[in-house]
N, C-alpha and C. Protein backbone atom coordinates (compact mmCIF):
# COMPACT_ATOMS: atom_id res chain seq x y z
N UNK A 1 0.86 -1.17 0.00
CA UNK A 1 0.00 0.00 0.00
C UNK A 1 0.91 1.23 0.00
N UNK A 2 0.63 2.18 -0.87
CA UNK A 2 1.44 3.40 -0.90
C UNK A 2 1.03 4.32 0.24
N UNK A 3 1.85 5.32 0.48
CA UNK A 3 1.57 6.29 1.53
C UNK A 3 0.23 6.99 1.27
N UNK A 4 0.01 7.38 0.03
CA UNK A 4 -1.24 8.06 -0.33
C UNK A 4 -2.44 7.13 -0.17
N UNK A 5 -2.28 5.86 -0.54
CA UNK A 5 -3.36 4.89 -0.38
C UNK A 5 -3.70 4.69 1.10
N UNK A 6 -2.68 4.66 1.94
CA UNK A 6 -2.90 4.49 3.38
C UNK A 6 -3.66 5.68 3.95
N UNK A 7 -3.28 6.89 3.57
CA UNK A 7 -3.99 8.08 4.04
C UNK A 7 -5.44 8.06 3.56
N UNK A 8 -5.68 7.66 2.32
CA UNK A 8 -7.04 7.58 1.80
C UNK A 8 -7.85 6.53 2.55
N UNK A 9 -7.21 5.41 2.87
CA UNK A 9 -7.90 4.33 3.60
C UNK A 9 -8.33 4.82 4.98
N UNK A 10 -7.45 5.53 5.66
CA UNK A 10 -7.79 6.07 6.98
C UNK A 10 -8.92 7.08 6.84
N UNK A 11 -8.85 7.93 5.84
CA UNK A 11 -9.86 8.96 5.63
C UNK A 11 -11.22 8.34 5.31
N UNK A 12 -11.25 7.20 4.64
CA UNK A 12 -12.50 6.54 4.27
C UNK A 12 -13.14 5.77 5.41
N UNK A 13 -12.41 5.43 6.43
CA UNK A 13 -12.95 4.66 7.55
C UNK A 13 -13.97 5.49 8.31
N UNK A 14 -15.01 4.81 8.77
CA UNK A 14 -16.03 5.49 9.57
C UNK A 14 -15.66 5.34 11.04
N UNK A 15 -14.75 6.17 11.52
CA UNK A 15 -14.32 6.11 12.91
C UNK A 15 -15.40 6.71 13.81
N UNK A 16 -15.55 6.12 14.97
CA UNK A 16 -16.53 6.62 15.93
C UNK A 16 -16.11 7.99 16.47
N UNK A 17 -14.82 8.24 16.51
CA UNK A 17 -14.32 9.50 17.07
C UNK A 17 -13.44 10.19 16.03
N UNK A 18 -13.85 11.39 15.64
CA UNK A 18 -13.08 12.15 14.65
C UNK A 18 -11.66 12.45 15.13
N UNK A 19 -11.49 12.65 16.43
CA UNK A 19 -10.16 12.95 16.96
C UNK A 19 -9.21 11.77 16.77
N UNK A 20 -9.71 10.57 16.89
CA UNK A 20 -8.89 9.39 16.67
C UNK A 20 -8.40 9.35 15.23
N UNK A 21 -9.28 9.62 14.30
CA UNK A 21 -8.91 9.62 12.89
C UNK A 21 -7.87 10.71 12.61
N UNK A 22 -8.07 11.89 13.16
CA UNK A 22 -7.10 12.98 12.95
C UNK A 22 -5.75 12.64 13.57
N UNK A 23 -5.76 12.01 14.72
CA UNK A 23 -4.51 11.62 15.38
C UNK A 23 -3.76 10.58 14.55
N UNK A 24 -4.49 9.62 14.05
CA UNK A 24 -3.89 8.60 13.22
C UNK A 24 -3.33 9.20 11.93
N UNK A 25 -4.05 10.12 11.32
CA UNK A 25 -3.58 10.81 10.12
C UNK A 25 -2.28 11.56 10.42
N UNK A 26 -2.18 12.19 11.58
CA UNK A 26 -0.98 12.93 11.95
C UNK A 26 0.23 11.99 12.06
N UNK A 27 0.02 10.83 12.64
CA UNK A 27 1.11 9.85 12.76
C UNK A 27 1.56 9.39 11.38
N UNK A 28 0.59 9.07 10.51
CA UNK A 28 0.93 8.62 9.16
C UNK A 28 1.66 9.73 8.39
N UNK A 29 1.23 10.97 8.56
CA UNK A 29 1.91 12.09 7.90
C UNK A 29 3.36 12.23 8.37
N UNK A 30 3.60 11.98 9.65
CA UNK A 30 4.98 12.06 10.17
C UNK A 30 5.86 10.93 9.64
N UNK A 31 5.26 9.82 9.31
CA UNK A 31 6.02 8.65 8.86
C UNK A 31 5.86 8.44 7.35
N UNK A 32 6.03 9.53 6.61
CA UNK A 32 5.89 9.47 5.16
C UNK A 32 7.22 9.06 4.52
N UNK A 33 7.17 8.52 3.29
CA UNK A 33 8.42 8.18 2.63
C UNK A 33 9.17 9.46 2.24
N UNK A 34 10.46 9.43 2.46
CA UNK A 34 11.32 10.57 2.14
C UNK A 34 11.77 10.45 0.69
N UNK A 35 11.66 11.55 -0.03
CA UNK A 35 12.12 11.55 -1.42
C UNK A 35 13.64 11.48 -1.44
N UNK A 36 14.16 10.53 -2.20
CA UNK A 36 15.60 10.36 -2.30
C UNK A 36 15.98 10.17 -3.76
N UNK A 37 16.91 10.96 -4.20
CA UNK A 37 17.37 10.85 -5.58
C UNK A 37 18.36 9.70 -5.70
N UNK A 38 18.28 9.00 -6.81
CA UNK A 38 19.23 7.94 -7.15
C UNK A 38 19.27 6.80 -6.13
N UNK A 39 18.16 6.56 -5.46
CA UNK A 39 18.07 5.45 -4.50
C UNK A 39 17.02 4.48 -4.99
N UNK A 40 17.23 3.20 -4.74
CA UNK A 40 16.27 2.18 -5.16
C UNK A 40 15.27 1.85 -4.05
N UNK A 41 15.42 2.47 -2.90
CA UNK A 41 14.53 2.22 -1.78
C UNK A 41 14.16 3.55 -1.15
N UNK A 42 13.09 3.54 -0.38
CA UNK A 42 12.65 4.75 0.30
C UNK A 42 12.88 4.60 1.81
N UNK A 43 13.12 5.71 2.45
CA UNK A 43 13.25 5.73 3.90
C UNK A 43 12.11 6.56 4.48
N UNK A 44 11.76 6.23 5.71
CA UNK A 44 10.75 6.99 6.44
C UNK A 44 11.36 8.34 6.84
N UNK A 45 10.62 9.40 6.58
CA UNK A 45 11.09 10.74 6.88
C UNK A 45 11.31 10.93 8.38
N UNK A 46 10.49 10.33 9.21
CA UNK A 46 10.54 10.54 10.66
C UNK A 46 11.60 9.70 11.35
N UNK A 47 11.65 8.41 11.05
CA UNK A 47 12.54 7.53 11.82
C UNK A 47 13.75 7.04 11.02
N UNK A 48 13.85 7.43 9.75
CA UNK A 48 15.01 7.13 8.91
C UNK A 48 15.24 5.63 8.71
N UNK A 49 14.18 4.83 8.86
CA UNK A 49 14.23 3.40 8.58
C UNK A 49 13.64 3.17 7.20
N UNK A 50 13.82 1.98 6.67
CA UNK A 50 13.22 1.68 5.38
C UNK A 50 11.71 1.83 5.45
N UNK A 51 11.13 2.40 4.40
CA UNK A 51 9.68 2.57 4.32
C UNK A 51 9.06 1.37 3.63
N UNK A 52 7.99 0.79 4.16
CA UNK A 52 7.24 1.23 5.32
C UNK A 52 7.95 0.85 6.62
N UNK A 53 8.05 1.81 7.51
CA UNK A 53 8.70 1.59 8.80
C UNK A 53 7.77 0.78 9.72
N UNK A 54 8.25 0.35 10.88
CA UNK A 54 7.40 -0.43 11.80
C UNK A 54 6.10 0.27 12.20
N UNK A 55 6.12 1.58 12.31
CA UNK A 55 4.89 2.31 12.67
C UNK A 55 3.84 2.16 11.58
N UNK A 56 4.24 2.38 10.34
CA UNK A 56 3.31 2.25 9.21
C UNK A 56 2.87 0.80 9.05
N UNK A 57 3.78 -0.13 9.24
CA UNK A 57 3.42 -1.55 9.14
C UNK A 57 2.35 -1.92 10.18
N UNK A 58 2.50 -1.40 11.40
CA UNK A 58 1.53 -1.70 12.46
C UNK A 58 0.16 -1.11 12.12
N UNK A 59 0.13 0.10 11.60
CA UNK A 59 -1.13 0.74 11.22
C UNK A 59 -1.79 -0.05 10.08
N UNK A 60 -0.99 -0.39 9.07
CA UNK A 60 -1.53 -1.16 7.94
C UNK A 60 -2.11 -2.50 8.40
N UNK A 61 -1.41 -3.16 9.31
CA UNK A 61 -1.88 -4.46 9.81
C UNK A 61 -3.25 -4.34 10.45
N UNK A 62 -3.46 -3.30 11.24
CA UNK A 62 -4.72 -3.13 11.94
C UNK A 62 -5.86 -2.67 11.02
N UNK A 63 -5.52 -2.09 9.88
CA UNK A 63 -6.55 -1.63 8.95
C UNK A 63 -7.01 -2.71 7.97
N UNK A 64 -6.31 -3.83 7.94
CA UNK A 64 -6.68 -4.91 7.00
C UNK A 64 -7.88 -5.67 7.48
């Protein structure tokens, strides 16, 4: 799932609490893929690990 697809998936969910959805969106925005020239892989902008980082992987797992 791409970063944009993940954000769209969160936005489409019918969360009982709008604040929860906004909080989750903020976390996903912080853990976006960093643009890198001449690289074959992407890194997470926030934690500098390979994207998808563990935070994004955990969110994706729970949304499936």
